[in-house]
Amino acid sequence: MYAIVEINGQQFKVEKDSKIFVHRLEAEDGAVVDFDKVLLVDNDGDIKVGTPVVDGAKVSAKVLTQVKGDKVMVFKKKRRKGYQKMNGHRQQFTQIQIENIKA
């Protein structure tokens, strides 16, 4: 059984007991969060497709930890003008573990 769920504007294919990284959620470590925007549910060949979401479907997940991603370097330059600028960025992520898929 798997589901496609929208979390913070991104779509993820999730299964029970799978661990995924999503953009930062405002939740404490160990908290249980529910996601209602379930777009598709596959229960051993019985596929339910939502328009746009599946009615009554819900995915429960447990927050494991808050982490930072790898550093991305952003370098801007204009040739022959003497302009160059360097910036770095580290995206903040939340690692969650899927506990239950209810369809």
PDB file of N, CA and C in Angstrom:
ATOM      1  N   MET A   1       0.846  -1.180   0.000  1.00  0.00           N
ATOM      2  CA  MET A   1       0.000   0.000   0.000  1.00  0.00           C
ATOM      3  C   MET A   1       0.888   1.239   0.000  1.00  0.00           C
ATOM      4  N   TYR A   2       0.579   2.149  -0.905  1.00  0.00           N
ATOM      5  CA  TYR A   2       1.302   3.409  -0.941  1.00  0.00           C
ATOM      6  C   TYR A   2       0.322   4.525  -1.265  1.00  0.00           C
ATOM      7  N   ALA A   3       0.783   5.756  -1.041  1.00  0.00           N
ATOM      8  CA  ALA A   3      -0.036   6.929  -1.322  1.00  0.00           C
ATOM      9  C   ALA A   3       0.858   8.030  -1.861  1.00  0.00           C
ATOM     10  N   ILE A   4       0.259   8.914  -2.629  1.00  0.00           N
ATOM     11  CA  ILE A   4       0.945  10.124  -3.068  1.00  0.00           C
ATOM     12  C   ILE A   4       0.299  11.271  -2.322  1.00  0.00           C
ATOM     13  N   VAL A   5       1.120  11.983  -1.534  1.00  0.00           N
ATOM     14  CA  VAL A   5       0.613  13.021  -0.643  1.00  0.00           C
ATOM     15  C   VAL A   5       1.357  14.320  -0.919  1.00  0.00           C
ATOM     16  N   GLU A   6       0.652  15.437  -0.755  1.00  0.00           N
ATOM     17  CA  GLU A   6       1.270  16.747  -0.939  1.00  0.00           C
ATOM     18  C   GLU A   6       1.620  17.312   0.435  1.00  0.00           C
ATOM     19  N   ILE A   7       2.905  17.625   0.615  1.00  0.00           N
ATOM     20  CA  ILE A   7       3.408  18.173   1.870  1.00  0.00           C
ATOM     21  C   ILE A   7       4.176  19.439   1.553  1.00  0.00           C
ATOM     22  N   ASN A   8       3.735  20.568   2.069  1.00  0.00           N
ATOM     23  CA  ASN A   8       4.380  21.867   1.845  1.00  0.00           C
ATOM     24  C   ASN A   8       4.604  22.160   0.367  1.00  0.00           C
ATOM     25  N   GLY A   9       3.623  21.860  -0.470  1.00  0.00           N
ATOM     26  CA  GLY A   9       3.712  22.187  -1.878  1.00  0.00           C
ATOM     27  C   GLY A   9       4.474  21.189  -2.728  1.00  0.00           C
ATOM     28  N   GLN A  10       4.975  20.105  -2.158  1.00  0.00           N
ATOM     29  CA  GLN A  10       5.681  19.081  -2.912  1.00  0.00           C
ATOM     30  C   GLN A  10       4.949  17.761  -2.776  1.00  0.00           C
ATOM     31  N   GLN A  11       5.035  16.924  -3.807  1.00  0.00           N
ATOM     32  CA  GLN A  11       4.365  15.634  -3.799  1.00  0.00           C
ATOM     33  C   GLN A  11       5.371  14.530  -3.500  1.00  0.00           C
ATOM     34  N   PHE A  12       4.969  13.604  -2.613  1.00  0.00           N
ATOM     35  CA  PHE A  12       5.830  12.501  -2.209  1.00  0.00           C
ATOM     36  C   PHE A  12       5.069  11.198  -2.317  1.00  0.00           C
ATOM     37  N   LYS A  13       5.760  10.148  -2.764  1.00  0.00           N
ATOM     38  CA  LYS A  13       5.209   8.801  -2.732  1.00  0.00           C
ATOM     39  C   LYS A  13       5.637   8.186  -1.404  1.00  0.00           C
ATOM     40  N   VAL A  14       4.672   7.819  -0.568  1.00  0.00           N
ATOM     41  CA  VAL A  14       4.990   7.335   0.771  1.00  0.00           C
ATOM     42  C   VAL A  14       4.402   5.944   0.982  1.00  0.00           C
ATOM     43  N   GLU A  15       5.105   5.166   1.774  1.00  0.00           N
ATOM     44  CA  GLU A  15       4.656   3.850   2.211  1.00  0.00           C
ATOM     45  C   GLU A  15       4.786   3.790   3.720  1.00  0.00           C
ATOM     46  N   LYS A  16       4.151   2.803   4.331  1.00  0.00           N
ATOM     47  CA  LYS A  16       4.241   2.659   5.778  1.00  0.00           C
ATOM     48  C   LYS A  16       5.689   2.386   6.177  1.00  0.00           C
ATOM     49  N   ASP A  17       6.132   3.039   7.249  1.00  0.00           N
ATOM     50  CA  ASP A  17       7.481   2.909   7.821  1.00  0.00           C
ATOM     51  C   ASP A  17       8.589   3.487   6.944  1.00  0.00           C
ATOM     52  N   SER A  18       8.255   4.260   5.917  1.00  0.00           N
ATOM     53  CA  SER A  18       9.308   4.900   5.122  1.00  0.00           C
ATOM     54  C   SER A  18       9.694   6.227   5.768  1.00  0.00           C
ATOM     55  N   LYS A  19      10.965   6.611   5.593  1.00  0.00           N
ATOM     56  CA  LYS A  19      11.479   7.861   6.143  1.00  0.00           C
ATOM     57  C   LYS A  19      11.783   8.801   4.990  1.00  0.00           C
ATOM     58  N   ILE A  20      11.302  10.052   5.088  1.00  0.00           N
ATOM     59  CA  ILE A  20      11.539  11.025   4.034  1.00  0.00           C
ATOM     60  C   ILE A  20      11.922  12.364   4.655  1.00  0.00           C
ATOM     61  N   PHE A  21      12.597  13.181   3.850  1.00  0.00           N
ATOM     62  CA  PHE A  21      12.937  14.541   4.235  1.00  0.00           C
ATOM     63  C   PHE A  21      11.991  15.485   3.517  1.00  0.00           C
ATOM     64  N   VAL A  22      11.328  16.370   4.274  1.00  0.00           N
ATOM     65  CA  VAL A  22      10.429  17.372   3.705  1.00  0.00           C
ATOM     66  C   VAL A  22      10.918  18.746   4.148  1.00  0.00           C
ATOM     67  N   HIS A  23      10.433  19.784   3.457  1.00  0.00           N
ATOM     68  CA  HIS A  23      10.779  21.130   3.896  1.00  0.00           C
ATOM     69  C   HIS A  23      10.286  21.326   5.318  1.00  0.00           C
ATOM     70  N   ARG A  24      10.947  22.188   6.046  1.00  0.00           N
ATOM     71  CA  ARG A  24      10.762  22.322   7.489  1.00  0.00           C
ATOM     72  C   ARG A  24       9.299  22.450   7.897  1.00  0.00           C
ATOM     73  N   LEU A  25       8.911  21.603   8.864  1.00  0.00           N
ATOM     74  CA  LEU A  25       7.584  21.650   9.474  1.00  0.00           C
ATOM     75  C   LEU A  25       7.707  22.267  10.857  1.00  0.00           C
ATOM     76  N   GLU A  26       6.728  23.042  11.257  1.00  0.00           N
ATOM     77  CA  GLU A  26       6.715  23.641  12.591  1.00  0.00           C
ATOM     78  C   GLU A  26       6.145  22.637  13.578  1.00  0.00           C
ATOM     79  N   ALA A  27       6.943  21.640  13.934  1.00  0.00           N
ATOM     80  CA  ALA A  27       6.527  20.615  14.879  1.00  0.00           C
ATOM     81  C   ALA A  27       7.743  20.170  15.682  1.00  0.00           C
ATOM     82  N   GLU A  28       7.498  19.780  16.921  1.00  0.00           N
ATOM     83  CA  GLU A  28       8.565  19.314  17.795  1.00  0.00           C
ATOM     84  C   GLU A  28       8.972  17.883  17.431  1.00  0.00           C
ATOM     85  N   ASP A  29      10.183  17.490  17.834  1.00  0.00           N
ATOM     86  CA  ASP A  29      10.628  16.117  17.628  1.00  0.00           C
ATOM     87  C   ASP A  29       9.725  15.166  18.412  1.00  0.00           C
ATOM     88  N   GLY A  30       9.307  14.093  17.766  1.00  0.00           N
ATOM     89  CA  GLY A  30       8.430  13.116  18.404  1.00  0.00           C
ATOM     90  C   GLY A  30       6.956  13.403  18.228  1.00  0.00           C
ATOM     91  N   ALA A  31       6.604  14.547  17.666  1.00  0.00           N
ATOM     92  CA  ALA A  31       5.189  14.892  17.469  1.00  0.00           C
ATOM     93  C   ALA A  31       4.625  14.113  16.279  1.00  0.00           C
ATOM     94  N   VAL A  32       3.320  13.900  16.315  1.00  0.00           N
ATOM     95  CA  VAL A  32       2.627  13.221  15.224  1.00  0.00           C
ATOM     96  C   VAL A  32       1.893  14.273  14.403  1.00  0.00           C
ATOM     97  N   VAL A  33       2.128  14.263  13.094  1.00  0.00           N
ATOM     98  CA  VAL A  33       1.471  15.214  12.198  1.00  0.00           C
ATOM     99  C   VAL A  33       0.616  14.432  11.200  1.00  0.00           C
ATOM    100  N   ASP A  34      -0.497  15.042  10.791  1.00  0.00           N
ATOM    101  CA  ASP A  34      -1.408  14.432   9.833  1.00  0.00           C
ATOM    102  C   ASP A  34      -1.430  15.255   8.562  1.00  0.00           C
ATOM    103  N   PHE A  35      -1.483  14.576   7.422  1.00  0.00           N
ATOM    104  CA  PHE A  35      -1.553  15.230   6.123  1.00  0.00           C
ATOM    105  C   PHE A  35      -2.843  14.801   5.446  1.00  0.00           C
ATOM    106  N   ASP A  36      -3.666  15.795   5.078  1.00  0.00           N
ATOM    107  CA  ASP A  36      -4.971  15.518   4.494  1.00  0.00           C
ATOM    108  C   ASP A  36      -4.973  15.581   2.971  1.00  0.00           C
ATOM    109  N   LYS A  37      -3.959  16.183   2.368  1.00  0.00           N
ATOM    110  CA  LYS A  37      -3.919  16.326   0.908  1.00  0.00           C
ATOM    111  C   LYS A  37      -3.351  15.061   0.275  1.00  0.00           C
ATOM    112  N   VAL A  38      -4.152  14.002   0.263  1.00  0.00           N
ATOM    113  CA  VAL A  38      -3.755  12.734  -0.337  1.00  0.00           C
ATOM    114  C   VAL A  38      -4.314  12.715  -1.754  1.00  0.00           C
ATOM    115  N   LEU A  39      -3.428  12.632  -2.743  1.00  0.00           N
ATOM    116  CA  LEU A  39      -3.831  12.720  -4.138  1.00  0.00           C
ATOM    117  C   LEU A  39      -4.161  11.364  -4.753  1.00  0.00           C
ATOM    118  N   LEU A  40      -3.531  10.298  -4.260  1.00  0.00           N
ATOM    119  CA  LEU A  40      -3.745   8.963  -4.805  1.00  0.00           C
ATOM    120  C   LEU A  40      -3.456   7.939  -3.729  1.00  0.00           C
ATOM    121  N   VAL A  41      -4.246   6.861  -3.713  1.00  0.00           N
ATOM    122  CA  VAL A  41      -4.015   5.753  -2.783  1.00  0.00           C
ATOM    123  C   VAL A  41      -4.075   4.455  -3.570  1.00  0.00           C
ATOM    124  N   ASP A  42      -3.051   3.608  -3.422  1.00  0.00           N
ATOM    125  CA  ASP A  42      -3.021   2.290  -4.057  1.00  0.00           C
ATOM    126  C   ASP A  42      -2.998   1.243  -2.954  1.00  0.00           C
ATOM    127  N   ASN A  43      -4.075   0.469  -2.860  1.00  0.00           N
ATOM    128  CA  ASN A  43      -4.184  -0.581  -1.842  1.00  0.00           C
ATOM    129  C   ASN A  43      -4.196  -1.923  -2.552  1.00  0.00           C
ATOM    130  N   ASP A  44      -3.013  -2.454  -2.883  1.00  0.00           N
ATOM    131  CA  ASP A  44      -2.843  -3.747  -3.557  1.00  0.00           C
ATOM    132  C   ASP A  44      -3.651  -3.833  -4.844  1.00  0.00           C
ATOM    133  N   GLY A  45      -3.514  -2.844  -5.705  1.00  0.00           N
ATOM    134  CA  GLY A  45      -4.187  -2.844  -6.990  1.00  0.00           C
ATOM    135  C   GLY A  45      -5.486  -2.069  -7.018  1.00  0.00           C
ATOM    136  N   ASP A  46      -6.051  -1.773  -5.859  1.00  0.00           N
ATOM    137  CA  ASP A  46      -7.273  -0.961  -5.781  1.00  0.00           C
ATOM    138  C   ASP A  46      -6.845   0.500  -5.698  1.00  0.00           C
ATOM    139  N   ILE A  47      -6.898   1.188  -6.835  1.00  0.00           N
ATOM    140  CA  ILE A  47      -6.375   2.550  -6.920  1.00  0.00           C
ATOM    141  C   ILE A  47      -7.512   3.548  -6.803  1.00  0.00           C
ATOM    142  N   LYS A  48      -7.336   4.515  -5.904  1.00  0.00           N
ATOM    143  CA  LYS A  48      -8.289   5.615  -5.760  1.00  0.00           C
ATOM    144  C   LYS A  48      -7.562   6.902  -6.115  1.00  0.00           C
ATOM    145  N   VAL A  49      -8.076   7.606  -7.121  1.00  0.00           N
ATOM    146  CA  VAL A  49      -7.484   8.862  -7.559  1.00  0.00           C
ATOM    147  C   VAL A  49      -8.414   9.987  -7.139  1.00  0.00           C
ATOM    148  N   GLY A  50      -7.868  11.006  -6.504  1.00  0.00           N
ATOM    149  CA  GLY A  50      -8.672  12.110  -6.018  1.00  0.00           C
ATOM    150  C   GLY A  50      -8.921  13.157  -7.080  1.00  0.00           C
ATOM    151  N   THR A  51      -9.942  13.969  -6.849  1.00  0.00           N
ATOM    152  CA  THR A  51     -10.263  15.081  -7.751  1.00  0.00           C
ATOM    153  C   THR A  51     -10.438  16.349  -6.952  1.00  0.00           C
ATOM    154  N   PRO A  52      -9.478  17.043  -6.472  1.00  0.00           N
ATOM    155  CA  PRO A  52      -8.036  16.759  -6.539  1.00  0.00           C
ATOM    156  C   PRO A  52      -7.531  15.886  -5.390  1.00  0.00           C
ATOM    157  N   VAL A  53      -8.312  15.736  -4.298  1.00  0.00           N
ATOM    158  CA  VAL A  53      -7.847  14.895  -3.190  1.00  0.00           C
ATOM    159  C   VAL A  53      -8.833  13.761  -2.964  1.00  0.00           C
ATOM    160  N   VAL A  54      -8.343  12.669  -2.363  1.00  0.00           N
ATOM    161  CA  VAL A  54      -9.180  11.519  -2.039  1.00  0.00           C
ATOM    162  C   VAL A  54      -9.950  11.837  -0.764  1.00  0.00           C
ATOM    163  N   ASP A  55     -11.278  11.692  -0.821  1.00  0.00           N
ATOM    164  CA  ASP A  55     -12.118  11.999   0.339  1.00  0.00           C
ATOM    165  C   ASP A  55     -11.880  10.989   1.460  1.00  0.00           C
ATOM    166  N   GLY A  56     -11.664  11.500   2.673  1.00  0.00           N
ATOM    167  CA  GLY A  56     -11.496  10.660   3.849  1.00  0.00           C
ATOM    168  C   GLY A  56     -10.125  10.039   4.003  1.00  0.00           C
ATOM    169  N   ALA A  57      -9.211  10.298   3.096  1.00  0.00           N
ATOM    170  CA  ALA A  57      -7.869   9.725   3.187  1.00  0.00           C
ATOM    171  C   ALA A  57      -6.977  10.628   4.036  1.00  0.00           C
ATOM    172  N   LYS A  58      -6.098   9.991   4.805  1.00  0.00           N
ATOM    173  CA  LYS A  58      -5.208  10.737   5.689  1.00  0.00           C
ATOM    174  C   LYS A  58      -3.929   9.946   5.883  1.00  0.00           C
ATOM    175  N   VAL A  59      -2.807  10.659   5.969  1.00  0.00           N
ATOM    176  CA  VAL A  59      -1.504  10.041   6.225  1.00  0.00           C
ATOM    177  C   VAL A  59      -0.975  10.602   7.535  1.00  0.00           C
ATOM    178  N   SER A  60      -0.610   9.723   8.452  1.00  0.00           N
ATOM    179  CA  SER A  60      -0.039  10.130   9.737  1.00  0.00           C
ATOM    180  C   SER A  60       1.460   9.863   9.722  1.00  0.00           C
ATOM    181  N   ALA A  61       2.219  10.806  10.271  1.00  0.00           N
ATOM    182  CA  ALA A  61       3.673  10.669  10.300  1.00  0.00           C
ATOM    183  C   ALA A  61       4.204  11.178  11.635  1.00  0.00           C
ATOM    184  N   LYS A  62       5.351  10.653  12.029  1.00  0.00           N
ATOM    185  CA  LYS A  62       6.018  11.055  13.266  1.00  0.00           C
ATOM    186  C   LYS A  62       7.263  11.849  12.900  1.00  0.00           C
ATOM    187  N   VAL A  63       7.445  12.998  13.541  1.00  0.00           N
ATOM    188  CA  VAL A  63       8.614  13.841  13.290  1.00  0.00           C
ATOM    189  C   VAL A  63       9.811  13.231  14.012  1.00  0.00           C
ATOM    190  N   LEU A  64      10.874  12.952  13.256  1.00  0.00           N
ATOM    191  CA  LEU A  64      12.071  12.362  13.851  1.00  0.00           C
ATOM    192  C   LEU A  64      13.070  13.432  14.268  1.00  0.00           C
ATOM    193  N   THR A  65      13.439  14.321  13.348  1.00  0.00           N
ATOM    194  CA  THR A  65      14.438  15.326  13.677  1.00  0.00           C
ATOM    195  C   THR A  65      14.375  16.486  12.688  1.00  0.00           C
ATOM    196  N   GLN A  66      14.961  17.607  13.088  1.00  0.00           N
ATOM    197  CA  GLN A  66      15.107  18.777  12.225  1.00  0.00           C
ATOM    198  C   GLN A  66      16.580  18.847  11.813  1.00  0.00           C
ATOM    199  N   VAL A  67      16.849  18.916  10.518  1.00  0.00           N
ATOM    200  CA  VAL A  67      18.229  18.916  10.025  1.00  0.00           C
ATOM    201  C   VAL A  67      18.412  20.012   8.985  1.00  0.00           C
ATOM    202  N   LYS A  68      19.691  20.285   8.648  1.00  0.00           N
ATOM    203  CA  LYS A  68      20.025  21.203   7.575  1.00  0.00           C
ATOM    204  C   LYS A  68      20.598  20.414   6.414  1.00  0.00           C
ATOM    205  N   GLY A  69      20.288  20.844   5.213  1.00  0.00           N
ATOM    206  CA  GLY A  69      20.796  20.183   4.012  1.00  0.00           C
ATOM    207  C   GLY A  69      22.221  20.609   3.711  1.00  0.00           C
ATOM    208  N   ASP A  70      22.740  20.123   2.589  1.00  0.00           N
ATOM    209  CA  ASP A  70      24.079  20.484   2.152  1.00  0.00           C
ATOM    210  C   ASP A  70      24.127  21.951   1.730  1.00  0.00           C
ATOM    211  N   LYS A  71      25.298  22.552   1.865  1.00  0.00           N
ATOM    212  CA  LYS A  71      25.451  23.948   1.485  1.00  0.00           C
ATOM    213  C   LYS A  71      25.507  24.065  -0.037  1.00  0.00           C
ATOM    214  N   VAL A  72      24.754  25.034  -0.552  1.00  0.00           N
ATOM    215  CA  VAL A  72      24.739  25.329  -1.976  1.00  0.00           C
ATOM    216  C   VAL A  72      25.379  26.697  -2.151  1.00  0.00           C
ATOM    217  N   MET A  73      26.405  26.770  -2.996  1.00  0.00           N
ATOM    218  CA  MET A  73      27.095  28.023  -3.235  1.00  0.00           C
ATOM    219  C   MET A  73      26.473  28.712  -4.448  1.00  0.00           C
ATOM    220  N   VAL A  74      26.178  30.013  -4.286  1.00  0.00           N
ATOM    221  CA  VAL A  74      25.593  30.821  -5.356  1.00  0.00           C
ATOM    222  C   VAL A  74      26.619  31.888  -5.717  1.00  0.00           C
ATOM    223  N   PHE A  75      27.094  31.876  -6.964  1.00  0.00           N
ATOM    224  CA  PHE A  75      28.132  32.813  -7.407  1.00  0.00           C
ATOM    225  C   PHE A  75      27.596  33.613  -8.580  1.00  0.00           C
ATOM    226  N   LYS A  76      27.604  34.942  -8.442  1.00  0.00           N
ATOM    227  CA  LYS A  76      27.148  35.836  -9.503  1.00  0.00           C
ATOM    228  C   LYS A  76      28.332  36.665  -9.986  1.00  0.00           C
ATOM    229  N   LYS A  77      28.404  36.867 -11.289  1.00  0.00           N
ATOM    230  CA  LYS A  77      29.502  37.650 -11.839  1.00  0.00           C
ATOM    231  C   LYS A  77      29.044  38.318 -13.127  1.00  0.00           C
ATOM    232  N   LYS A  78      29.494  39.547 -13.321  1.00  0.00           N
ATOM    233  CA  LYS A  78      29.287  40.233 -14.600  1.00  0.00           C
ATOM    234  C   LYS A  78      30.676  40.472 -15.195  1.00  0.00           C
ATOM    235  N   ARG A  79      30.906  39.951 -16.352  1.00  0.00           N
ATOM    236  CA  ARG A  79      32.245  40.030 -16.929  1.00  0.00           C
ATOM    237  C   ARG A  79      32.591  41.464 -17.342  1.00  0.00           C
ATOM    238  N   ARG A  80      33.847  41.778 -17.166  1.00  0.00           N
ATOM    239  CA  ARG A  80      34.433  43.090 -17.510  1.00  0.00           C
ATOM    240  C   ARG A  80      33.845  44.241 -16.704  1.00  0.00           C
ATOM    241  N   LYS A  81      33.117  43.999 -15.647  1.00  0.00           N
ATOM    242  CA  LYS A  81      32.541  45.071 -14.838  1.00  0.00           C
ATOM    243  C   LYS A  81      33.109  45.096 -13.419  1.00  0.00           C
ATOM    244  N   GLY A  82      33.843  44.079 -13.058  1.00  0.00           N
ATOM    245  CA  GLY A  82      34.415  44.021 -11.721  1.00  0.00           C
ATOM    246  C   GLY A  82      33.404  43.631 -10.657  1.00  0.00           C
ATOM    247  N   TYR A  83      32.260  43.088 -11.066  1.00  0.00           N
ATOM    248  CA  TYR A  83      31.213  42.713 -10.109  1.00  0.00           C
ATOM    249  C   TYR A  83      31.222  41.210  -9.916  1.00  0.00           C
ATOM    250  N   GLN A  84      31.365  40.802  -8.677  1.00  0.00           N
ATOM    251  CA  GLN A  84      31.170  39.396  -8.340  1.00  0.00           C
ATOM    252  C   GLN A  84      30.673  39.291  -6.913  1.00  0.00           C
ATOM    253  N   LYS A  85      29.787  38.343  -6.704  1.00  0.00           N
ATOM    254  CA  LYS A  85      29.156  38.170  -5.403  1.00  0.00           C
ATOM    255  C   LYS A  85      29.016  36.684  -5.124  1.00  0.00           C
ATOM    256  N   MET A  86      29.316  36.286  -3.887  1.00  0.00           N
ATOM    257  CA  MET A  86      29.237  34.880  -3.495  1.00  0.00           C
ATOM    258  C   MET A  86      28.308  34.757  -2.305  1.00  0.00           C
ATOM    259  N   ASN A  87      27.348  33.854  -2.395  1.00  0.00           N
ATOM    260  CA  ASN A  87      26.423  33.576  -1.292  1.00  0.00           C
ATOM    261  C   ASN A  87      26.343  32.082  -1.085  1.00  0.00           C
ATOM    262  N   GLY A  88      25.974  31.691   0.120  1.00  0.00           N
ATOM    263  CA  GLY A  88      25.739  30.290   0.425  1.00  0.00           C
ATOM    264  C   GLY A  88      24.343  30.121   0.999  1.00  0.00           C
ATOM    265  N   HIS A  89      23.802  28.914   0.870  1.00  0.00           N
ATOM    266  CA  HIS A  89      22.463  28.636   1.386  1.00  0.00           C
ATOM    267  C   HIS A  89      22.401  27.207   1.884  1.00  0.00           C
ATOM    268  N   ARG A  90      21.789  27.008   3.058  1.00  0.00           N
ATOM    269  CA  ARG A  90      21.533  25.672   3.587  1.00  0.00           C
ATOM    270  C   ARG A  90      20.054  25.562   3.889  1.00  0.00           C
ATOM    271  N   GLN A  91      19.371  24.679   3.171  1.00  0.00           N
ATOM    272  CA  GLN A  91      17.934  24.485   3.350  1.00  0.00           C
ATOM    273  C   GLN A  91      17.684  23.695   4.625  1.00  0.00           C
ATOM    274  N   GLN A  92      16.633  24.049   5.350  1.00  0.00           N
ATOM    275  CA  GLN A  92      16.270  23.331   6.555  1.00  0.00           C
ATOM    276  C   GLN A  92      15.208  22.290   6.223  1.00  0.00           C
ATOM    277  N   PHE A  93      15.427  21.071   6.705  1.00  0.00           N
ATOM    278  CA  PHE A  93      14.541  19.956   6.431  1.00  0.00           C
ATOM    279  C   PHE A  93      14.033  19.342   7.729  1.00  0.00           C
ATOM    280  N   THR A  94      12.944  18.612   7.621  1.00  0.00           N
ATOM    281  CA  THR A  94      12.403  17.816   8.714  1.00  0.00           C
ATOM    282  C   THR A  94      12.351  16.375   8.238  1.00  0.00           C
ATOM    283  N   GLN A  95      12.915  15.466   9.037  1.00  0.00           N
ATOM    284  CA  GLN A  95      12.836  14.052   8.691  1.00  0.00           C
ATOM    285  C   GLN A  95      11.620  13.462   9.389  1.00  0.00           C
ATOM    286  N   ILE A  96      10.751  12.819   8.593  1.00  0.00           N
ATOM    287  CA  ILE A  96       9.545  12.216   9.158  1.00  0.00           C
ATOM    288  C   ILE A  96       9.504  10.738   8.793  1.00  0.00           C
ATOM    289  N   GLN A  97       8.788   9.972   9.624  1.00  0.00           N
ATOM    290  CA  GLN A  97       8.571   8.556   9.362  1.00  0.00           C
ATOM    291  C   GLN A  97       7.073   8.328   9.244  1.00  0.00           C
ATOM    292  N   ILE A  98       6.651   7.703   8.159  1.00  0.00           N
ATOM    293  CA  ILE A  98       5.238   7.466   7.917  1.00  0.00           C
ATOM    294  C   ILE A  98       4.765   6.332   8.821  1.00  0.00           C
ATOM    295  N   GLU A  99       3.716   6.589   9.593  1.00  0.00           N
ATOM    296  CA  GLU A  99       3.215   5.581  10.518  1.00  0.00           C
ATOM    297  C   GLU A  99       1.957   4.893  10.024  1.00  0.00           C
ATOM    298  N   ASN A 100       1.055   5.641   9.361  1.00  0.00           N
ATOM    299  CA  ASN A 100      -0.218   5.056   8.995  1.00  0.00           C
ATOM    300  C   ASN A 100      -0.762   5.740   7.748  1.00  0.00           C
ATOM    301  N   ILE A 101      -1.356   4.935   6.859  1.00  0.00           N
ATOM    302  CA  ILE A 101      -2.056   5.458   5.689  1.00  0.00           C
ATOM    303  C   ILE A 101      -3.493   4.987   5.793  1.00  0.00           C
ATOM    304  N   LYS A 102      -4.398   5.936   5.940  1.00  0.00           N
ATOM    305  CA  LYS A 102      -5.824   5.593   6.081  1.00  0.00           C
ATOM    306  C   LYS A 102      -6.546   6.044   4.814  1.00  0.00           C
ATOM    307  N   ALA A 103      -7.229   5.108   4.154  1.00  0.00           N
ATOM    308  CA  ALA A 103      -7.916   5.474   2.911  1.00  0.00           C
ATOM    309  C   ALA A 103      -9.403   5.230   3.025  1.00  0.00           C
TER     310      ALA A 103
END
